[in-house]
Amino acid sequence: MSSEALPSAPKADVLSKFVIAKSNTSKTNMHKVTKTIVTSPHIYKPVGPYSQAILADKTLYVSGVLGLDRDAQLVCGGAEAQTRQVLDNLRHVLEAGGASLESVVKVTILLDSMADFQVVNQVYAEYFPKDCPARATYQVGKLPLGAAVEIEAIALSGDLVVAEAGPCPCART
């Protein structure tokens, strides 16, 4: 065995210790997640013990949003006016979480009365004119503060790339 071969053994040993240490660090960190509380100063404060939104990794979960003004009063004008206020409020929360209406992937609409479905749908279409999110709409027994409509959303936070797997049904002309 030559003397040139001896120095390589310690280098290999140091390298293997580095790989093991890096591997252990990765295993420790892979279980850590970050939950970021998102709040917009541009809308009313929550009316209960909840956050306006939670950012987990690059997914933003927005709590149900009502048609309240900044003073937490329902706007006048019924379901149509409340839907506009809800979607304006939603936009503010999305922006606070690094998202946008365009980055919304799922929406749940809760209605006090299914009779308001058409008017809510018309206003909704103004805010989501293309590449619409997945959506469900339900009539519920009662909404907080006597509201006509409440909307919750899930959105992507970060640089958005939109791709289509087929024709978008909301792009009807």
C-alpha atoms as a PDB file:
ATOM      1  CA  MET A   1       0.000   0.000   0.000  1.00  0.00           C
ATOM      2  CA  SER A   2       1.446   3.364  -0.985  1.00  0.00           C
ATOM      3  CA  SER A   3       1.519   6.439   1.232  1.00  0.00           C
ATOM      4  CA  GLU A   4      -0.643   8.265  -1.357  1.00  0.00           C
ATOM      5  CA  ALA A   5      -3.592   5.965  -0.538  1.00  0.00           C
ATOM      6  CA  LEU A   6      -3.553   6.812   3.186  1.00  0.00           C
ATOM      7  CA  PRO A   7      -4.772  10.437   2.942  1.00  0.00           C
ATOM      8  CA  SER A   8      -7.834   9.392   0.912  1.00  0.00           C
ATOM      9  CA  ALA A   9      -9.193   7.203   3.722  1.00  0.00           C
ATOM     10  CA  PRO A  10      -9.677  10.115   6.167  1.00  0.00           C
ATOM     11  CA  LYS A  11     -11.326  12.223   3.387  1.00  0.00           C
ATOM     12  CA  ALA A  12     -13.780   9.427   2.664  1.00  0.00           C
ATOM     13  CA  ASP A  13     -14.518   9.119   6.397  1.00  0.00           C
ATOM     14  CA  VAL A  14     -15.179  12.881   6.692  1.00  0.00           C
ATOM     15  CA  LEU A  15     -17.386  12.786   3.593  1.00  0.00           C
ATOM     16  CA  SER A  16     -19.452   9.883   4.947  1.00  0.00           C
ATOM     17  CA  LYS A  17     -19.896  11.704   8.290  1.00  0.00           C
ATOM     18  CA  PHE A  18     -21.057  14.811   6.383  1.00  0.00           C
ATOM     19  CA  VAL A  19     -23.566  12.770   4.366  1.00  0.00           C
ATOM     20  CA  ILE A  20     -24.865  11.101   7.545  1.00  0.00           C
ATOM     21  CA  ALA A  21     -25.111  14.452   9.366  1.00  0.00           C
ATOM     22  CA  LYS A  22     -26.897  16.058   6.379  1.00  0.00           C
ATOM     23  CA  SER A  23     -29.228  13.067   6.171  1.00  0.00           C
ATOM     24  CA  ASN A  24     -30.087  13.335   9.890  1.00  0.00           C
ATOM     25  CA  THR A  25     -30.697  17.078   9.541  1.00  0.00           C
ATOM     26  CA  SER A  26     -33.043  16.479   6.610  1.00  0.00           C
ATOM     27  CA  LYS A  27     -34.966  13.879   8.593  1.00  0.00           C
ATOM     28  CA  THR A  28     -35.344  16.299  11.494  1.00  0.00           C
ATOM     29  CA  ASN A  29     -36.434  19.237   9.295  1.00  0.00           C
ATOM     30  CA  MET A  30     -38.743  17.244   7.064  1.00  0.00           C
ATOM     31  CA  HIS A  31     -41.314  17.089   9.863  1.00  0.00           C
ATOM     32  CA  LYS A  32     -41.327  20.850  10.476  1.00  0.00           C
ATOM     33  CA  VAL A  33     -44.143  22.809   8.891  1.00  0.00           C
ATOM     34  CA  THR A  34     -45.020  26.459   9.068  1.00  0.00           C
ATOM     35  CA  LYS A  35     -48.502  27.728   9.815  1.00  0.00           C
ATOM     36  CA  THR A  36     -48.726  31.435   9.029  1.00  0.00           C
ATOM     37  CA  ILE A  37     -51.662  33.458  10.322  1.00  0.00           C
ATOM     38  CA  VAL A  38     -52.824  35.841   7.583  1.00  0.00           C
ATOM     39  CA  THR A  39     -54.763  38.996   8.390  1.00  0.00           C
ATOM     40  CA  SER A  40     -55.834  41.851   6.146  1.00  0.00           C
ATOM     41  CA  PRO A  41     -56.189  45.263   7.780  1.00  0.00           C
ATOM     42  CA  HIS A  42     -58.581  46.235   4.958  1.00  0.00           C
ATOM     43  CA  ILE A  43     -61.558  44.218   6.178  1.00  0.00           C
ATOM     44  CA  TYR A  44     -63.461  43.678   9.414  1.00  0.00           C
ATOM     45  CA  LYS A  45     -61.875  41.770  12.281  1.00  0.00           C
ATOM     46  CA  PRO A  46     -63.063  38.161  12.668  1.00  0.00           C
ATOM     47  CA  VAL A  47     -66.456  37.920  14.365  1.00  0.00           C
ATOM     48  CA  GLY A  48     -65.368  34.854  16.328  1.00  0.00           C
ATOM     49  CA  PRO A  49     -62.319  32.863  17.459  1.00  0.00           C
ATOM     50  CA  TYR A  50     -60.809  32.175  14.037  1.00  0.00           C
ATOM     51  CA  SER A  51     -58.172  33.556  11.689  1.00  0.00           C
ATOM     52  CA  GLN A  52     -59.052  35.292   8.436  1.00  0.00           C
ATOM     53  CA  ALA A  53     -56.741  32.856   6.665  1.00  0.00           C
ATOM     54  CA  ILE A  54     -53.966  30.349   7.257  1.00  0.00           C
ATOM     55  CA  LEU A  55     -51.027  29.885   4.911  1.00  0.00           C
ATOM     56  CA  ALA A  56     -49.580  26.372   4.990  1.00  0.00           C
ATOM     57  CA  ASP A  57     -46.640  25.990   2.614  1.00  0.00           C
ATOM     58  CA  LYS A  58     -48.018  27.566  -0.584  1.00  0.00           C
ATOM     59  CA  THR A  59     -51.681  26.880   0.117  1.00  0.00           C
ATOM     60  CA  LEU A  60     -53.863  29.620   1.568  1.00  0.00           C
ATOM     61  CA  TYR A  61     -57.023  28.556   3.411  1.00  0.00           C
ATOM     62  CA  VAL A  62     -59.440  31.476   3.725  1.00  0.00           C
ATOM     63  CA  SER A  63     -62.164  31.327   6.368  1.00  0.00           C
ATOM     64  CA  GLY A  64     -65.741  32.123   5.468  1.00  0.00           C
ATOM     65  CA  VAL A  65     -66.014  35.772   4.462  1.00  0.00           C
ATOM     66  CA  LEU A  66     -69.180  37.803   4.959  1.00  0.00           C
ATOM     67  CA  GLY A  67     -70.509  40.932   3.250  1.00  0.00           C
ATOM     68  CA  LEU A  68     -69.470  43.179   6.121  1.00  0.00           C
ATOM     69  CA  ASP A  69     -67.926  46.618   5.857  1.00  0.00           C
ATOM     70  CA  ARG A  70     -64.797  47.538   7.848  1.00  0.00           C
ATOM     71  CA  ASP A  71     -66.985  48.304  10.877  1.00  0.00           C
ATOM     72  CA  ALA A  72     -68.377  44.727  10.778  1.00  0.00           C
ATOM     73  CA  GLN A  73     -71.811  45.876   9.601  1.00  0.00           C
ATOM     74  CA  LEU A  74     -73.687  44.009   6.851  1.00  0.00           C
ATOM     75  CA  VAL A  75     -73.861  46.122   3.698  1.00  0.00           C
ATOM     76  CA  CYS A  76     -77.320  47.122   2.487  1.00  0.00           C
ATOM     77  CA  GLY A  77     -78.706  45.779  -0.763  1.00  0.00           C
ATOM     78  CA  GLY A  78     -79.341  42.104  -0.068  1.00  0.00           C
ATOM     79  CA  ALA A  79     -77.527  39.164  -1.627  1.00  0.00           C
ATOM     80  CA  GLU A  80     -76.189  41.112  -4.613  1.00  0.00           C
ATOM     81  CA  ALA A  81     -74.526  43.865  -2.568  1.00  0.00           C
ATOM     82  CA  GLN A  82     -73.318  41.373   0.044  1.00  0.00           C
ATOM     83  CA  THR A  83     -71.776  39.148  -2.631  1.00  0.00           C
ATOM     84  CA  ARG A  84     -69.810  42.102  -4.032  1.00  0.00           C
ATOM     85  CA  GLN A  85     -68.620  43.000  -0.525  1.00  0.00           C
ATOM     86  CA  VAL A  86     -67.749  39.364   0.219  1.00  0.00           C
ATOM     87  CA  LEU A  87     -65.654  39.101  -2.940  1.00  0.00           C
ATOM     88  CA  ASP A  88     -63.947  42.457  -2.297  1.00  0.00           C
ATOM     89  CA  ASN A  89     -63.158  41.297   1.253  1.00  0.00           C
ATOM     90  CA  LEU A  90     -61.953  37.950  -0.087  1.00  0.00           C
ATOM     91  CA  ARG A  91     -59.624  39.736  -2.514  1.00  0.00           C
ATOM     92  CA  HIS A  92     -58.066  41.692   0.385  1.00  0.00           C
ATOM     93  CA  VAL A  93     -57.431  38.529   2.428  1.00  0.00           C
ATOM     94  CA  LEU A  94     -56.008  36.726  -0.601  1.00  0.00           C
ATOM     95  CA  GLU A  95     -53.617  39.609  -1.296  1.00  0.00           C
ATOM     96  CA  ALA A  96     -52.504  39.624   2.348  1.00  0.00           C
ATOM     97  CA  GLY A  97     -51.598  35.947   1.903  1.00  0.00           C
ATOM     98  CA  GLY A  98     -49.680  36.428  -1.353  1.00  0.00           C
ATOM     99  CA  ALA A  99     -52.541  35.132  -3.496  1.00  0.00           C
ATOM    100  CA  SER A 100     -55.196  36.567  -5.820  1.00  0.00           C
ATOM    101  CA  LEU A 101     -58.659  35.787  -7.131  1.00  0.00           C
ATOM    102  CA  GLU A 102     -56.941  34.168 -10.119  1.00  0.00           C
ATOM    103  CA  SER A 103     -55.041  31.793  -7.811  1.00  0.00           C
ATOM    104  CA  VAL A 104     -58.169  30.506  -6.069  1.00  0.00           C
ATOM    105  CA  VAL A 105     -58.546  26.761  -6.662  1.00  0.00           C
ATOM    106  CA  LYS A 106     -61.668  25.961  -4.589  1.00  0.00           C
ATOM    107  CA  VAL A 107     -64.614  27.995  -3.359  1.00  0.00           C
ATOM    108  CA  THR A 108     -67.535  27.081  -1.131  1.00  0.00           C
ATOM    109  CA  ILE A 109     -70.534  29.395  -1.244  1.00  0.00           C
ATOM    110  CA  LEU A 110     -73.057  29.272   1.583  1.00  0.00           C
ATOM    111  CA  LEU A 111     -76.434  30.875   0.920  1.00  0.00           C
ATOM    112  CA  ASP A 112     -79.210  31.782   3.301  1.00  0.00           C
ATOM    113  CA  SER A 113     -81.632  31.083   0.433  1.00  0.00           C
ATOM    114  CA  MET A 114     -81.143  29.191  -2.814  1.00  0.00           C
ATOM    115  CA  ALA A 115     -83.472  31.811  -4.344  1.00  0.00           C
ATOM    116  CA  ASP A 116     -80.377  34.079  -4.356  1.00  0.00           C
ATOM    117  CA  PHE A 117     -78.338  31.609  -6.438  1.00  0.00           C
ATOM    118  CA  GLN A 118     -78.746  33.437  -9.779  1.00  0.00           C
ATOM    119  CA  VAL A 119     -77.865  36.898  -8.492  1.00  0.00           C
ATOM    120  CA  VAL A 120     -74.892  35.544  -6.534  1.00  0.00           C
ATOM    121  CA  ASN A 121     -73.769  33.627  -9.633  1.00  0.00           C
ATOM    122  CA  GLN A 122     -73.941  36.778 -11.799  1.00  0.00           C
ATOM    123  CA  VAL A 123     -71.792  38.806  -9.385  1.00  0.00           C
ATOM    124  CA  TYR A 124     -69.417  35.859  -8.882  1.00  0.00           C
ATOM    125  CA  ALA A 125     -68.895  35.637 -12.675  1.00  0.00           C
ATOM    126  CA  GLU A 126     -67.680  39.267 -12.679  1.00  0.00           C
ATOM    127  CA  TYR A 127     -64.934  38.420 -10.188  1.00  0.00           C
ATOM    128  CA  PHE A 128     -64.042  35.075 -11.783  1.00  0.00           C
ATOM    129  CA  PRO A 129     -64.419  35.764 -15.542  1.00  0.00           C
ATOM    130  CA  LYS A 130     -62.107  32.934 -16.649  1.00  0.00           C
ATOM    131  CA  ASP A 131     -60.162  29.977 -15.270  1.00  0.00           C
ATOM    132  CA  CYS A 132     -62.822  29.567 -12.598  1.00  0.00           C
ATOM    133  CA  PRO A 133     -62.033  27.674  -9.409  1.00  0.00           C
ATOM    134  CA  ALA A 134     -63.767  24.463  -8.449  1.00  0.00           C
ATOM    135  CA  ARG A 135     -66.886  25.322  -6.495  1.00  0.00           C
ATOM    136  CA  ALA A 136     -69.728  24.056  -4.345  1.00  0.00           C
ATOM    137  CA  THR A 137     -72.822  26.029  -3.326  1.00  0.00           C
ATOM    138  CA  TYR A 138     -75.128  25.141  -0.444  1.00  0.00           C
ATOM    139  CA  GLN A 139     -78.191  26.593   1.195  1.00  0.00           C
ATOM    140  CA  VAL A 140     -77.745  26.567   4.951  1.00  0.00           C
ATOM    141  CA  GLY A 141     -80.138  27.052   7.870  1.00  0.00           C
ATOM    142  CA  LYS A 142     -78.663  30.360   8.969  1.00  0.00           C
ATOM    143  CA  LEU A 143     -75.511  32.411   8.434  1.00  0.00           C
ATOM    144  CA  PRO A 144     -73.685  34.550  11.019  1.00  0.00           C
ATOM    145  CA  LEU A 145     -75.120  38.022  11.674  1.00  0.00           C
ATOM    146  CA  GLY A 146     -78.084  37.320   9.401  1.00  0.00           C
ATOM    147  CA  ALA A 147     -75.939  37.374   6.261  1.00  0.00           C
ATOM    148  CA  ALA A 148     -77.347  36.269   2.892  1.00  0.00           C
ATOM    149  CA  VAL A 149     -74.051  34.831   1.623  1.00  0.00           C
ATOM    150  CA  GLU A 150     -70.716  33.571   2.957  1.00  0.00           C
ATOM    151  CA  ILE A 151     -67.771  32.416   0.850  1.00  0.00           C
ATOM    152  CA  GLU A 152     -64.679  30.451   1.872  1.00  0.00           C
ATOM    153  CA  ALA A 153     -61.771  29.724  -0.434  1.00  0.00           C
ATOM    154  CA  ILE A 154     -58.555  27.804  -0.938  1.00  0.00           C
ATOM    155  CA  ALA A 155     -55.876  29.489  -3.060  1.00  0.00           C
ATOM    156  CA  LEU A 156     -52.270  29.080  -4.132  1.00  0.00           C
ATOM    157  CA  SER A 157     -49.779  31.610  -2.817  1.00  0.00           C
ATOM    158  CA  GLY A 158     -46.777  32.556  -4.931  1.00  0.00           C
ATOM    159  CA  ASP A 159     -45.979  32.882  -8.624  1.00  0.00           C
ATOM    160  CA  LEU A 160     -48.971  31.430 -10.449  1.00  0.00           C
ATOM    161  CA  VAL A 161     -48.900  29.444 -13.671  1.00  0.00           C
ATOM    162  CA  VAL A 162     -52.301  28.532 -15.094  1.00  0.00           C
ATOM    163  CA  ALA A 163     -52.583  25.502 -17.365  1.00  0.00           C
ATOM    164  CA  GLU A 164     -55.693  23.911 -18.804  1.00  0.00           C
ATOM    165  CA  ALA A 165     -56.329  20.220 -19.158  1.00  0.00           C
ATOM    166  CA  GLY A 166     -59.434  20.804 -21.259  1.00  0.00           C
ATOM    167  CA  PRO A 167     -61.862  23.556 -22.184  1.00  0.00           C
ATOM    168  CA  CYS A 168     -62.712  25.778 -19.235  1.00  0.00           C
ATOM    169  CA  PRO A 169     -66.484  25.612 -18.655  1.00  0.00           C
ATOM    170  CA  CYS A 170     -66.605  29.174 -17.334  1.00  0.00           C
ATOM    171  CA  ALA A 171     -65.185  30.571 -20.580  1.00  0.00           C
ATOM    172  CA  ARG A 172     -68.516  30.110 -22.385  1.00  0.00           C
ATOM    173  CA  THR A 173     -69.364  32.868 -24.797  1.00  0.00           C
END
